[in-house]
Amino acid sequence: MIEKITDPTQIPVPGGKRIEEYVGRVRTGTASMSVAHMVAPPGWNEPFQRPDFDEVTIVVRGTIRVEHEGGTLDVGAGETVFAGAGERIRYGNPFDEEAEYWAVCAPAFSPEAAHREA
């Protein structure tokens, strides 16, 4: 299958973060991987999670904070972070400017596979 994607699917999430899925379970029905563009407002964060998927996060603008069992990483524009499946991790933007980034997950992201903590 070959498909040109010009209309990503908006994934609703709380906290003002915008997620546009280009490839994945929602937009293309793809279970092997997902690719999403995200914009996180200042002050945004999400609960810790322990996903069943590998995730590559590529920051385009601003900075995101990545908390994990080994410490904290601030990942800025032009930088990338890799989180292997099974790692306990939390993404956030405690900074004063929006953060824009892309996430690639394999297999594809799903809320069930993220195992977010309450």
PDB file of N, CA and C in Angstrom:
ATOM      1  N   MET A   1       0.841  -1.174   0.000  1.00  0.00           N
ATOM      2  CA  MET A   1       0.000   0.000   0.000  1.00  0.00           C
ATOM      3  C   MET A   1       0.893   1.247   0.000  1.00  0.00           C
ATOM      4  N   ILE A   2       0.520   2.212  -0.800  1.00  0.00           N
ATOM      5  CA  ILE A   2       1.171   3.521  -0.835  1.00  0.00           C
ATOM      6  C   ILE A   2       0.067   4.542  -0.608  1.00  0.00           C
ATOM      7  N   GLU A   3       0.289   5.480   0.317  1.00  0.00           N
ATOM      8  CA  GLU A   3      -0.726   6.490   0.586  1.00  0.00           C
ATOM      9  C   GLU A   3      -0.045   7.818   0.898  1.00  0.00           C
ATOM     10  N   LYS A   4      -0.437   8.853   0.187  1.00  0.00           N
ATOM     11  CA  LYS A   4       0.009  10.210   0.498  1.00  0.00           C
ATOM     12  C   LYS A   4      -0.943  10.750   1.570  1.00  0.00           C
ATOM     13  N   ILE A   5      -0.375  11.203   2.681  1.00  0.00           N
ATOM     14  CA  ILE A   5      -1.200  11.647   3.805  1.00  0.00           C
ATOM     15  C   ILE A   5      -1.091  13.163   3.916  1.00  0.00           C
ATOM     16  N   THR A   6      -2.190  13.829   3.670  1.00  0.00           N
ATOM     17  CA  THR A   6      -2.232  15.285   3.747  1.00  0.00           C
ATOM     18  C   THR A   6      -3.146  15.779   4.859  1.00  0.00           C
ATOM     19  N   ASP A   7      -3.834  14.860   5.498  1.00  0.00           N
ATOM     20  CA  ASP A   7      -4.807  15.226   6.530  1.00  0.00           C
ATOM     21  C   ASP A   7      -4.644  14.326   7.753  1.00  0.00           C
ATOM     22  N   PRO A   8      -3.732  14.680   8.659  1.00  0.00           N
ATOM     23  CA  PRO A   8      -3.564  13.857   9.855  1.00  0.00           C
ATOM     24  C   PRO A   8      -4.836  13.871  10.699  1.00  0.00           C
ATOM     25  N   THR A   9      -4.968  12.877  11.541  1.00  0.00           N
ATOM     26  CA  THR A   9      -6.109  12.791  12.448  1.00  0.00           C
ATOM     27  C   THR A   9      -5.741  13.436  13.779  1.00  0.00           C
ATOM     28  N   GLN A  10      -6.577  14.367  14.230  1.00  0.00           N
ATOM     29  CA  GLN A  10      -6.383  14.984  15.539  1.00  0.00           C
ATOM     30  C   GLN A  10      -6.793  13.978  16.613  1.00  0.00           C
ATOM     31  N   ILE A  11      -5.926  13.772  17.580  1.00  0.00           N
ATOM     32  CA  ILE A  11      -6.209  12.871  18.699  1.00  0.00           C
ATOM     33  C   ILE A  11      -6.502  13.747  19.914  1.00  0.00           C
ATOM     34  N   PRO A  12      -7.707  13.699  20.440  1.00  0.00           N
ATOM     35  CA  PRO A  12      -8.028  14.558  21.593  1.00  0.00           C
ATOM     36  C   PRO A  12      -7.342  14.070  22.872  1.00  0.00           C
ATOM     37  N   VAL A  13      -6.707  15.010  23.561  1.00  0.00           N
ATOM     38  CA  VAL A  13      -6.062  14.716  24.847  1.00  0.00           C
ATOM     39  C   VAL A  13      -6.289  15.895  25.784  1.00  0.00           C
ATOM     40  N   PRO A  14      -6.336  15.656  27.079  1.00  0.00           N
ATOM     41  CA  PRO A  14      -6.508  16.761  28.022  1.00  0.00           C
ATOM     42  C   PRO A  14      -5.234  17.589  28.164  1.00  0.00           C
ATOM     43  N   GLY A  15      -5.367  18.777  28.705  1.00  0.00           N
ATOM     44  CA  GLY A  15      -4.208  19.587  29.029  1.00  0.00           C
ATOM     45  C   GLY A  15      -3.734  20.522  27.940  1.00  0.00           C
ATOM     46  N   GLY A  16      -4.456  20.596  26.817  1.00  0.00           N
ATOM     47  CA  GLY A  16      -4.094  21.536  25.773  1.00  0.00           C
ATOM     48  C   GLY A  16      -3.046  21.058  24.785  1.00  0.00           C
ATOM     49  N   LYS A  17      -2.546  19.846  24.943  1.00  0.00           N
ATOM     50  CA  LYS A  17      -1.568  19.308  23.986  1.00  0.00           C
ATOM     51  C   LYS A  17      -2.293  18.930  22.696  1.00  0.00           C
ATOM     52  N   ARG A  18      -1.662  19.202  21.553  1.00  0.00           N
ATOM     53  CA  ARG A  18      -2.234  18.850  20.254  1.00  0.00           C
ATOM     54  C   ARG A  18      -1.453  17.677  19.676  1.00  0.00           C
ATOM     55  N   ILE A  19      -2.166  16.645  19.276  1.00  0.00           N
ATOM     56  CA  ILE A  19      -1.558  15.480  18.635  1.00  0.00           C
ATOM     57  C   ILE A  19      -2.206  15.288  17.270  1.00  0.00           C
ATOM     58  N   GLU A  20      -1.371  15.207  16.235  1.00  0.00           N
ATOM     59  CA  GLU A  20      -1.821  14.919  14.885  1.00  0.00           C
ATOM     60  C   GLU A  20      -1.156  13.626  14.435  1.00  0.00           C
ATOM     61  N   GLU A  21      -1.939  12.570  14.316  1.00  0.00           N
ATOM     62  CA  GLU A  21      -1.383  11.283  13.894  1.00  0.00           C
ATOM     63  C   GLU A  21      -1.382  11.190  12.374  1.00  0.00           C
ATOM     64  N   TYR A  22      -0.209  10.930  11.811  1.00  0.00           N
ATOM     65  CA  TYR A  22      -0.056  10.751  10.366  1.00  0.00           C
ATOM     66  C   TYR A  22      -0.124   9.279   9.991  1.00  0.00           C
ATOM     67  N   VAL A  23       0.491   8.445  10.815  1.00  0.00           N
ATOM     68  CA  VAL A  23       0.482   6.996  10.599  1.00  0.00           C
ATOM     69  C   VAL A  23       0.258   6.358  11.959  1.00  0.00           C
ATOM     70  N   GLY A  24      -0.607   5.357  12.007  1.00  0.00           N
ATOM     71  CA  GLY A  24      -0.841   4.669  13.265  1.00  0.00           C
ATOM     72  C   GLY A  24      -2.196   4.003  13.297  1.00  0.00           C
ATOM     73  N   ARG A  25      -2.568   3.551  14.465  1.00  0.00           N
ATOM     74  CA  ARG A  25      -3.810   2.798  14.630  1.00  0.00           C
ATOM     75  C   ARG A  25      -5.046   3.604  14.230  1.00  0.00           C
ATOM     76  N   VAL A  26      -5.054   4.905  14.544  1.00  0.00           N
ATOM     77  CA  VAL A  26      -6.233   5.723  14.278  1.00  0.00           C
ATOM     78  C   VAL A  26      -6.290   6.172  12.821  1.00  0.00           C
ATOM     79  N   ARG A  27      -5.206   6.786  12.311  1.00  0.00           N
ATOM     80  CA  ARG A  27      -5.247   7.396  10.972  1.00  0.00           C
ATOM     81  C   ARG A  27      -5.192   6.381   9.841  1.00  0.00           C
ATOM     82  N   THR A  28      -4.288   5.402   9.935  1.00  0.00           N
ATOM     83  CA  THR A  28      -4.101   4.463   8.815  1.00  0.00           C
ATOM     84  C   THR A  28      -4.391   3.012   9.177  1.00  0.00           C
ATOM     85  N   GLY A  29      -4.720   2.746  10.441  1.00  0.00           N
ATOM     86  CA  GLY A  29      -4.954   1.360  10.862  1.00  0.00           C
ATOM     87  C   GLY A  29      -3.676   0.558  10.975  1.00  0.00           C
ATOM     88  N   THR A  30      -2.540   1.230  11.080  1.00  0.00           N
ATOM     89  CA  THR A  30      -1.233   0.576  11.130  1.00  0.00           C
ATOM     90  C   THR A  30      -0.883   0.213  12.571  1.00  0.00           C
ATOM     91  N   ALA A  31      -0.614  -1.051  12.837  1.00  0.00           N
ATOM     92  CA  ALA A  31      -0.274  -1.497  14.190  1.00  0.00           C
ATOM     93  C   ALA A  31       1.232  -1.604  14.414  1.00  0.00           C
ATOM     94  N   SER A  32       2.021  -1.651  13.343  1.00  0.00           N
ATOM     95  CA  SER A  32       3.459  -1.876  13.480  1.00  0.00           C
ATOM     96  C   SER A  32       4.234  -0.631  13.901  1.00  0.00           C
ATOM     97  N   MET A  33       3.687   0.569  13.615  1.00  0.00           N
ATOM     98  CA  MET A  33       4.368   1.809  13.991  1.00  0.00           C
ATOM     99  C   MET A  33       3.379   2.960  13.957  1.00  0.00           C
ATOM    100  N   SER A  34       3.750   4.034  14.619  1.00  0.00           N
ATOM    101  CA  SER A  34       2.963   5.260  14.533  1.00  0.00           C
ATOM    102  C   SER A  34       3.905   6.449  14.423  1.00  0.00           C
ATOM    103  N   VAL A  35       3.414   7.493  13.745  1.00  0.00           N
ATOM    104  CA  VAL A  35       4.154   8.738  13.583  1.00  0.00           C
ATOM    105  C   VAL A  35       3.176   9.862  13.880  1.00  0.00           C
ATOM    106  N   ALA A  36       3.543  10.707  14.843  1.00  0.00           N
ATOM    107  CA  ALA A  36       2.652  11.792  15.231  1.00  0.00           C
ATOM    108  C   ALA A  36       3.422  13.086  15.432  1.00  0.00           C
ATOM    109  N   HIS A  37       2.780  14.180  15.077  1.00  0.00           N
ATOM    110  CA  HIS A  37       3.294  15.537  15.295  1.00  0.00           C
ATOM    111  C   HIS A  37       2.577  16.088  16.519  1.00  0.00           C
ATOM    112  N   MET A  38       3.329  16.693  17.439  1.00  0.00           N
ATOM    113  CA  MET A  38       2.731  17.172  18.686  1.00  0.00           C
ATOM    114  C   MET A  38       3.182  18.581  19.011  1.00  0.00           C
ATOM    115  N   VAL A  39       2.285  19.322  19.649  1.00  0.00           N
ATOM    116  CA  VAL A  39       2.609  20.642  20.185  1.00  0.00           C
ATOM    117  C   VAL A  39       2.117  20.659  21.625  1.00  0.00           C
ATOM    118  N   ALA A  40       3.053  20.875  22.551  1.00  0.00           N
ATOM    119  CA  ALA A  40       2.744  20.882  23.982  1.00  0.00           C
ATOM    120  C   ALA A  40       2.839  22.315  24.497  1.00  0.00           C
ATOM    121  N   PRO A  41       1.768  22.815  25.133  1.00  0.00           N
ATOM    122  CA  PRO A  41       1.796  24.182  25.650  1.00  0.00           C
ATOM    123  C   PRO A  41       2.680  24.295  26.888  1.00  0.00           C
ATOM    124  N   PRO A  42       3.076  25.507  27.238  1.00  0.00           N
ATOM    125  CA  PRO A  42       3.833  25.701  28.484  1.00  0.00           C
ATOM    126  C   PRO A  42       3.053  25.145  29.674  1.00  0.00           C
ATOM    127  N   GLY A  43       3.763  24.479  30.576  1.00  0.00           N
ATOM    128  CA  GLY A  43       3.142  23.932  31.778  1.00  0.00           C
ATOM    129  C   GLY A  43       2.492  22.571  31.614  1.00  0.00           C
ATOM    130  N   TRP A  44       2.507  22.018  30.404  1.00  0.00           N
ATOM    131  CA  TRP A  44       1.870  20.717  30.164  1.00  0.00           C
ATOM    132  C   TRP A  44       2.734  19.583  30.712  1.00  0.00           C
ATOM    133  N   ASN A  45       2.079  18.535  31.220  1.00  0.00           N
ATOM    134  CA  ASN A  45       2.763  17.273  31.518  1.00  0.00           C
ATOM    135  C   ASN A  45       1.749  16.154  31.475  1.00  0.00           C
ATOM    136  N   GLU A  46       2.234  14.944  31.466  1.00  0.00           N
ATOM    137  CA  GLU A  46       1.361  13.771  31.441  1.00  0.00           C
ATOM    138  C   GLU A  46       1.801  12.823  32.543  1.00  0.00           C
ATOM    139  N   PRO A  47       0.965  11.844  32.875  1.00  0.00           N
ATOM    140  CA  PRO A  47       1.357  10.894  33.920  1.00  0.00           C
ATOM    141  C   PRO A  47       2.539  10.021  33.477  1.00  0.00           C
ATOM    142  N   PHE A  48       3.208   9.429  34.454  1.00  0.00           N
ATOM    143  CA  PHE A  48       4.225   8.433  34.127  1.00  0.00           C
ATOM    144  C   PHE A  48       3.564   7.284  33.383  1.00  0.00           C
ATOM    145  N   GLN A  49       4.345   6.630  32.548  1.00  0.00           N
ATOM    146  CA  GLN A  49       3.875   5.467  31.801  1.00  0.00           C
ATOM    147  C   GLN A  49       5.010   4.466  31.653  1.00  0.00           C
ATOM    148  N   ARG A  50       4.654   3.242  31.338  1.00  0.00           N
ATOM    149  CA  ARG A  50       5.639   2.191  31.064  1.00  0.00           C
ATOM    150  C   ARG A  50       5.187   1.482  29.787  1.00  0.00           C
ATOM    151  N   PRO A  51       5.475   2.085  28.622  1.00  0.00           N
ATOM    152  CA  PRO A  51       4.927   1.596  27.359  1.00  0.00           C
ATOM    153  C   PRO A  51       5.469   0.243  26.905  1.00  0.00           C
ATOM    154  N   ASP A  52       4.651  -0.411  26.104  1.00  0.00           N
ATOM    155  CA  ASP A  52       5.031  -1.663  25.445  1.00  0.00           C
ATOM    156  C   ASP A  52       5.680  -1.397  24.091  1.00  0.00           C
ATOM    157  N   PHE A  53       6.042  -0.150  23.799  1.00  0.00           N
ATOM    158  CA  PHE A  53       6.611   0.201  22.503  1.00  0.00           C
ATOM    159  C   PHE A  53       7.875   1.032  22.695  1.00  0.00           C
ATOM    160  N   ASP A  54       8.777   0.970  21.711  1.00  0.00           N
ATOM    161  CA  ASP A  54       9.918   1.881  21.645  1.00  0.00           C
ATOM    162  C   ASP A  54       9.392   3.227  21.144  1.00  0.00           C
ATOM    163  N   GLU A  55      10.000   4.324  21.626  1.00  0.00           N
ATOM    164  CA  GLU A  55       9.567   5.645  21.165  1.00  0.00           C
ATOM    165  C   GLU A  55      10.779   6.525  20.889  1.00  0.00           C
ATOM    166  N   VAL A  56      10.789   7.120  19.709  1.00  0.00           N
ATOM    167  CA  VAL A  56      11.786   8.104  19.313  1.00  0.00           C
ATOM    168  C   VAL A  56      11.079   9.451  19.281  1.00  0.00           C
ATOM    169  N   THR A  57      11.600  10.432  20.016  1.00  0.00           N
ATOM    170  CA  THR A  57      11.006  11.759  20.074  1.00  0.00           C
ATOM    171  C   THR A  57      12.014  12.764  19.532  1.00  0.00           C
ATOM    172  N   ILE A  58      11.610  13.496  18.501  1.00  0.00           N
ATOM    173  CA  ILE A  58      12.473  14.457  17.815  1.00  0.00           C
ATOM    174  C   ILE A  58      11.905  15.851  18.060  1.00  0.00           C
ATOM    175  N   VAL A  59      12.643  16.688  18.779  1.00  0.00           N
ATOM    176  CA  VAL A  59      12.161  18.026  19.123  1.00  0.00           C
ATOM    177  C   VAL A  59      12.519  19.002  18.003  1.00  0.00           C
ATOM    178  N   VAL A  60      11.509  19.730  17.542  1.00  0.00           N
ATOM    179  CA  VAL A  60      11.668  20.687  16.453  1.00  0.00           C
ATOM    180  C   VAL A  60      11.801  22.115  16.994  1.00  0.00           C
ATOM    181  N   ARG A  61      11.044  22.404  18.054  1.00  0.00           N
ATOM    182  CA  ARG A  61      11.016  23.763  18.602  1.00  0.00           C
ATOM    183  C   ARG A  61      10.746  23.677  20.095  1.00  0.00           C
ATOM    184  N   GLY A  62      11.401  24.537  20.860  1.00  0.00           N
ATOM    185  CA  GLY A  62      11.212  24.524  22.310  1.00  0.00           C
ATOM    186  C   GLY A  62      12.000  23.404  22.959  1.00  0.00           C
ATOM    187  N   THR A  63      11.548  23.014  24.159  1.00  0.00           N
ATOM    188  CA  THR A  63      12.229  21.970  24.940  1.00  0.00           C
ATOM    189  C   THR A  63      11.175  21.128  25.643  1.00  0.00           C
ATOM    190  N   ILE A  64      11.398  19.821  25.687  1.00  0.00           N
ATOM    191  CA  ILE A  64      10.556  18.951  26.511  1.00  0.00           C
ATOM    192  C   ILE A  64      11.417  18.358  27.621  1.00  0.00           C
ATOM    193  N   ARG A  65      10.780  18.055  28.707  1.00  0.00           N
ATOM    194  CA  ARG A  65      11.457  17.399  29.826  1.00  0.00           C
ATOM    195  C   ARG A  65      11.026  15.936  29.820  1.00  0.00           C
ATOM    196  N   VAL A  66      12.012  15.055  29.948  1.00  0.00           N
ATOM    197  CA  VAL A  66      11.775  13.614  29.978  1.00  0.00           C
ATOM    198  C   VAL A  66      12.264  13.104  31.323  1.00  0.00           C
ATOM    199  N   GLU A  67      11.337  12.676  32.157  1.00  0.00           N
ATOM    200  CA  GLU A  67      11.683  12.100  33.460  1.00  0.00           C
ATOM    201  C   GLU A  67      11.658  10.589  33.323  1.00  0.00           C
ATOM    202  N   HIS A  68      12.665   9.939  33.878  1.00  0.00           N
ATOM    203  CA  HIS A  68      12.750   8.479  33.813  1.00  0.00           C
ATOM    204  C   HIS A  68      13.404   7.987  35.098  1.00  0.00           C
ATOM    205  N   GLU A  69      13.465   6.686  35.274  1.00  0.00           N
ATOM    206  CA  GLU A  69      13.991   6.131  36.520  1.00  0.00           C
ATOM    207  C   GLU A  69      15.447   6.499  36.765  1.00  0.00           C
ATOM    208  N   GLY A  70      16.189   6.820  35.716  1.00  0.00           N
ATOM    209  CA  GLY A  70      17.598   7.176  35.860  1.00  0.00           C
ATOM    210  C   GLY A  70      17.854   8.659  36.029  1.00  0.00           C
ATOM    211  N   GLY A  71      16.798   9.492  35.960  1.00  0.00           N
ATOM    212  CA  GLY A  71      16.994  10.928  36.104  1.00  0.00           C
ATOM    213  C   GLY A  71      16.060  11.733  35.222  1.00  0.00           C
ATOM    214  N   THR A  72      16.550  12.897  34.798  1.00  0.00           N
ATOM    215  CA  THR A  72      15.755  13.826  33.999  1.00  0.00           C
ATOM    216  C   THR A  72      16.603  14.332  32.838  1.00  0.00           C
ATOM    217  N   LEU A  73      15.979  14.406  31.665  1.00  0.00           N
ATOM    218  CA  LEU A  73      16.633  14.954  30.478  1.00  0.00           C
ATOM    219  C   LEU A  73      15.809  16.122  29.961  1.00  0.00           C
ATOM    220  N   ASP A  74      16.435  17.238  29.656  1.00  0.00           N
ATOM    221  CA  ASP A  74      15.800  18.312  28.918  1.00  0.00           C
ATOM    222  C   ASP A  74      16.271  18.184  27.484  1.00  0.00           C
ATOM    223  N   VAL A  75      15.320  18.023  26.565  1.00  0.00           N
ATOM    224  CA  VAL A  75      15.624  17.750  25.162  1.00  0.00           C
ATOM    225  C   VAL A  75      15.138  18.938  24.347  1.00  0.00           C
ATOM    226  N   GLY A  76      16.083  19.644  23.706  1.00  0.00           N
ATOM    227  CA  GLY A  76      15.759  20.870  22.989  1.00  0.00           C
ATOM    228  C   GLY A  76      15.693  20.684  21.490  1.00  0.00           C
ATOM    229  N   ALA A  77      15.351  21.769  20.815  1.00  0.00           N
ATOM    230  CA  ALA A  77      15.229  21.778  19.358  1.00  0.00           C
ATOM    231  C   ALA A  77      16.489  21.205  18.716  1.00  0.00           C
ATOM    232  N   GLY A  78      16.286  20.297  17.768  1.00  0.00           N
ATOM    233  CA  GLY A  78      17.398  19.658  17.080  1.00  0.00           C
ATOM    234  C   GLY A  78      17.925  18.430  17.790  1.00  0.00           C
ATOM    235  N   GLU A  79      17.344  18.095  18.938  1.00  0.00           N
ATOM    236  CA  GLU A  79      17.788  16.914  19.698  1.00  0.00           C
ATOM    237  C   GLU A  79      16.708  15.836  19.670  1.00  0.00           C
ATOM    238  N   THR A  80      17.132  14.620  19.960  1.00  0.00           N
ATOM    239  CA  THR A  80      16.262  13.449  19.916  1.00  0.00           C
ATOM    240  C   THR A  80      16.490  12.620  21.162  1.00  0.00           C
ATOM    241  N   VAL A  81      15.427  11.977  21.626  1.00  0.00           N
ATOM    242  CA  VAL A  81      15.558  11.038  22.741  1.00  0.00           C
ATOM    243  C   VAL A  81      14.923   9.716  22.331  1.00  0.00           C
ATOM    244  N   PHE A  82      15.565   8.622  22.718  1.00  0.00           N
ATOM    245  CA  PHE A  82      15.036   7.271  22.478  1.00  0.00           C
ATOM    246  C   PHE A  82      14.657   6.671  23.817  1.00  0.00           C
ATOM    247  N   ALA A  83      13.440   6.166  23.913  1.00  0.00           N
ATOM    248  CA  ALA A  83      12.979   5.468  25.114  1.00  0.00           C
ATOM    249  C   ALA A  83      12.574   4.055  24.711  1.00  0.00           C
ATOM    250  N   GLY A  84      13.260   3.071  25.256  1.00  0.00           N
ATOM    251  CA  GLY A  84      12.959   1.682  24.941  1.00  0.00           C
ATOM    252  C   GLY A  84      11.695   1.204  25.631  1.00  0.00           C
ATOM    253  N   ALA A  85      11.053   0.243  25.033  1.00  0.00           N
ATOM    254  CA  ALA A  85       9.853  -0.356  25.618  1.00  0.00           C
ATOM    255  C   ALA A  85      10.153  -0.825  27.037  1.00  0.00           C
ATOM    256  N   GLY A  86       9.194  -0.629  27.924  1.00  0.00           N
ATOM    257  CA  GLY A  86       9.324  -1.083  29.300  1.00  0.00           C
ATOM    258  C   GLY A  86       9.931  -0.067  30.250  1.00  0.00           C
ATOM    259  N   GLU A  87      10.467   1.034  29.727  1.00  0.00           N
ATOM    260  CA  GLU A  87      11.032   2.081  30.585  1.00  0.00           C
ATOM    261  C   GLU A  87       9.900   2.891  31.220  1.00  0.00           C
ATOM    262  N   ARG A  88      10.028   3.218  32.486  1.00  0.00           N
ATOM    263  CA  ARG A  88       9.066   4.117  33.149  1.00  0.00           C
ATOM    264  C   ARG A  88       9.491   5.543  32.810  1.00  0.00           C
ATOM    265  N   ILE A  89       8.567   6.299  32.202  1.00  0.00           N
ATOM    266  CA  ILE A  89       8.929   7.598  31.628  1.00  0.00           C
ATOM    267  C   ILE A  89       7.755   8.556  31.716  1.00  0.00           C
ATOM    268  N   ARG A  90       8.084   9.845  31.759  1.00  0.00           N
ATOM    269  CA  ARG A  90       7.053  10.881  31.715  1.00  0.00           C
ATOM    270  C   ARG A  90       7.580  12.059  30.903  1.00  0.00           C
ATOM    271  N   TYR A  91       6.734  12.542  30.003  1.00  0.00           N
ATOM    272  CA  TYR A  91       7.063  13.695  29.171  1.00  0.00           C
ATOM    273  C   TYR A  91       6.332  14.923  29.702  1.00  0.00           C
ATOM    274  N   GLY A  92       6.977  16.082  29.611  1.00  0.00           N
ATOM    275  CA  GLY A  92       6.333  17.313  30.032  1.00  0.00           C
ATOM    276  C   GLY A  92       6.997  18.525  29.421  1.00  0.00           C
ATOM    277  N   ASN A  93       6.337  19.674  29.594  1.00  0.00           N
ATOM    278  CA  ASN A  93       6.883  20.946  29.143  1.00  0.00           C
ATOM    279  C   ASN A  93       6.715  21.966  30.272  1.00  0.00           C
ATOM    280  N   PRO A  94       7.646  21.996  31.228  1.00  0.00           N
ATOM    281  CA  PRO A  94       7.545  22.949  32.330  1.00  0.00           C
ATOM    282  C   PRO A  94       8.073  24.339  31.968  1.00  0.00           C
ATOM    283  N   PHE A  95       8.384  24.542  30.711  1.00  0.00           N
ATOM    284  CA  PHE A  95       9.034  25.776  30.269  1.00  0.00           C
ATOM    285  C   PHE A  95       8.000  26.817  29.829  1.00  0.00           C
ATOM    286  N   ASP A  96       8.479  28.025  29.505  1.00  0.00           N
ATOM    287  CA  ASP A  96       7.601  29.151  29.193  1.00  0.00           C
ATOM    288  C   ASP A  96       7.217  29.263  27.727  1.00  0.00           C
ATOM    289  N   GLU A  97       7.664  28.341  26.887  1.00  0.00           N
ATOM    290  CA  GLU A  97       7.308  28.389  25.472  1.00  0.00           C
ATOM    291  C   GLU A  97       6.772  27.030  25.010  1.00  0.00           C
ATOM    292  N   GLU A  98       5.985  27.059  23.936  1.00  0.00           N
ATOM    293  CA  GLU A  98       5.484  25.815  23.363  1.00  0.00           C
ATOM    294  C   GLU A  98       6.638  24.913  22.958  1.00  0.00           C
ATOM    295  N   ALA A  99       6.381  23.613  22.987  1.00  0.00           N
ATOM    296  CA  ALA A  99       7.341  22.634  22.475  1.00  0.00           C
ATOM    297  C   ALA A  99       6.676  21.886  21.323  1.00  0.00           C
ATOM    298  N   GLU A 100       7.384  21.789  20.225  1.00  0.00           N
ATOM    299  CA  GLU A 100       6.880  21.077  19.057  1.00  0.00           C
ATOM    300  C   GLU A 100       7.800  19.898  18.802  1.00  0.00           C
ATOM    301  N   TYR A 101       7.215  18.734  18.584  1.00  0.00           N
ATOM    302  CA  TYR A 101       8.041  17.552  18.366  1.00  0.00           C
ATOM    303  C   TYR A 101       7.282  16.480  17.599  1.00  0.00           C
ATOM    304  N   TRP A 102       8.029  15.505  17.117  1.00  0.00           N
ATOM    305  CA  TRP A 102       7.498  14.340  16.418  1.00  0.00           C
ATOM    306  C   TRP A 102       7.805  13.113  17.264  1.00  0.00           C
ATOM    307  N   ALA A 103       6.888  12.170  17.286  1.00  0.00           N
ATOM    308  CA  ALA A 103       7.109  10.909  17.984  1.00  0.00           C
ATOM    309  C   ALA A 103       6.872   9.751  17.021  1.00  0.00           C
ATOM    310  N   VAL A 104       7.805   8.814  17.025  1.00  0.00           N
ATOM    311  CA  VAL A 104       7.691   7.590  16.230  1.00  0.00           C
ATOM    312  C   VAL A 104       7.709   6.431  17.216  1.00  0.00           C
ATOM    313  N   CYS A 105       6.659   5.617  17.190  1.00  0.00           N
ATOM    314  CA  CYS A 105       6.538   4.490  18.120  1.00  0.00           C
ATOM    315  C   CYS A 105       6.465   3.179  17.342  1.00  0.00           C
ATOM    316  N   ALA A 106       7.147   2.140  17.857  1.00  0.00           N
ATOM    317  CA  ALA A 106       7.095   0.818  17.247  1.00  0.00           C
ATOM    318  C   ALA A 106       7.041  -0.231  18.344  1.00  0.00           C
ATOM    319  N   PRO A 107       5.988  -1.064  18.372  1.00  0.00           N
ATOM    320  CA  PRO A 107       4.787  -0.968  17.542  1.00  0.00           C
ATOM    321  C   PRO A 107       4.021   0.319  17.831  1.00  0.00           C
ATOM    322  N   ALA A 108       2.925   0.515  17.132  1.00  0.00           N
ATOM    323  CA  ALA A 108       2.175   1.767  17.193  1.00  0.00           C
ATOM    324  C   ALA A 108       1.671   2.090  18.588  1.00  0.00           C
ATOM    325  N   PHE A 109       1.628   3.397  18.880  1.00  0.00           N
ATOM    326  CA  PHE A 109       1.057   3.883  20.134  1.00  0.00           C
ATOM    327  C   PHE A 109      -0.407   3.472  20.246  1.00  0.00           C
ATOM    328  N   SER A 110      -0.816   3.134  21.449  1.00  0.00           N
ATOM    329  CA  SER A 110      -2.223   3.033  21.828  1.00  0.00           C
ATOM    330  C   SER A 110      -2.284   3.359  23.315  1.00  0.00           C
ATOM    331  N   PRO A 111      -3.397   3.916  23.775  1.00  0.00           N
ATOM    332  CA  PRO A 111      -3.501   4.213  25.211  1.00  0.00           C
ATOM    333  C   PRO A 111      -3.290   2.967  26.081  1.00  0.00           C
ATOM    334  N   GLU A 112      -3.786   1.830  25.618  1.00  0.00           N
ATOM    335  CA  GLU A 112      -3.634   0.581  26.383  1.00  0.00           C
ATOM    336  C   GLU A 112      -2.180   0.155  26.463  1.00  0.00           C
ATOM    337  N   ALA A 113      -1.429   0.331  25.380  1.00  0.00           N
ATOM    338  CA  ALA A 113      -0.024  -0.078  25.351  1.00  0.00           C
ATOM    339  C   ALA A 113       0.886   0.889  26.095  1.00  0.00           C
ATOM    340  N   ALA A 114       0.381   2.114  26.384  1.00  0.00           N
ATOM    341  CA  ALA A 114       1.193   3.092  27.109  1.00  0.00           C
ATOM    342  C   ALA A 114       1.262   2.790  28.602  1.00  0.00           C
ATOM    343  N   HIS A 115       0.246   2.132  29.146  1.00  0.00           N
ATOM    344  CA  HIS A 115       0.189   1.803  30.575  1.00  0.00           C
ATOM    345  C   HIS A 115       0.442   3.028  31.439  1.00  0.00           C
ATOM    346  N   ARG A 116      -0.360   4.059  31.211  1.00  0.00           N
ATOM    347  CA  ARG A 116      -0.233   5.294  31.998  1.00  0.00           C
ATOM    348  C   ARG A 116      -0.684   5.068  33.437  1.00  0.00           C
ATOM    349  N   GLU A 117       0.060   5.667  34.365  1.00  0.00           N
ATOM    350  CA  GLU A 117      -0.298   5.568  35.774  1.00  0.00           C
ATOM    351  C   GLU A 117      -1.442   6.535  36.084  1.00  0.00           C
ATOM    352  N   ALA A 118      -2.246   6.180  37.063  1.00  0.00           N
ATOM    353  CA  ALA A 118      -3.391   7.022  37.434  1.00  0.00           C
ATOM    354  C   ALA A 118      -2.938   8.263  38.173  1.00  0.00           C
TER     355      ALA A 118
END
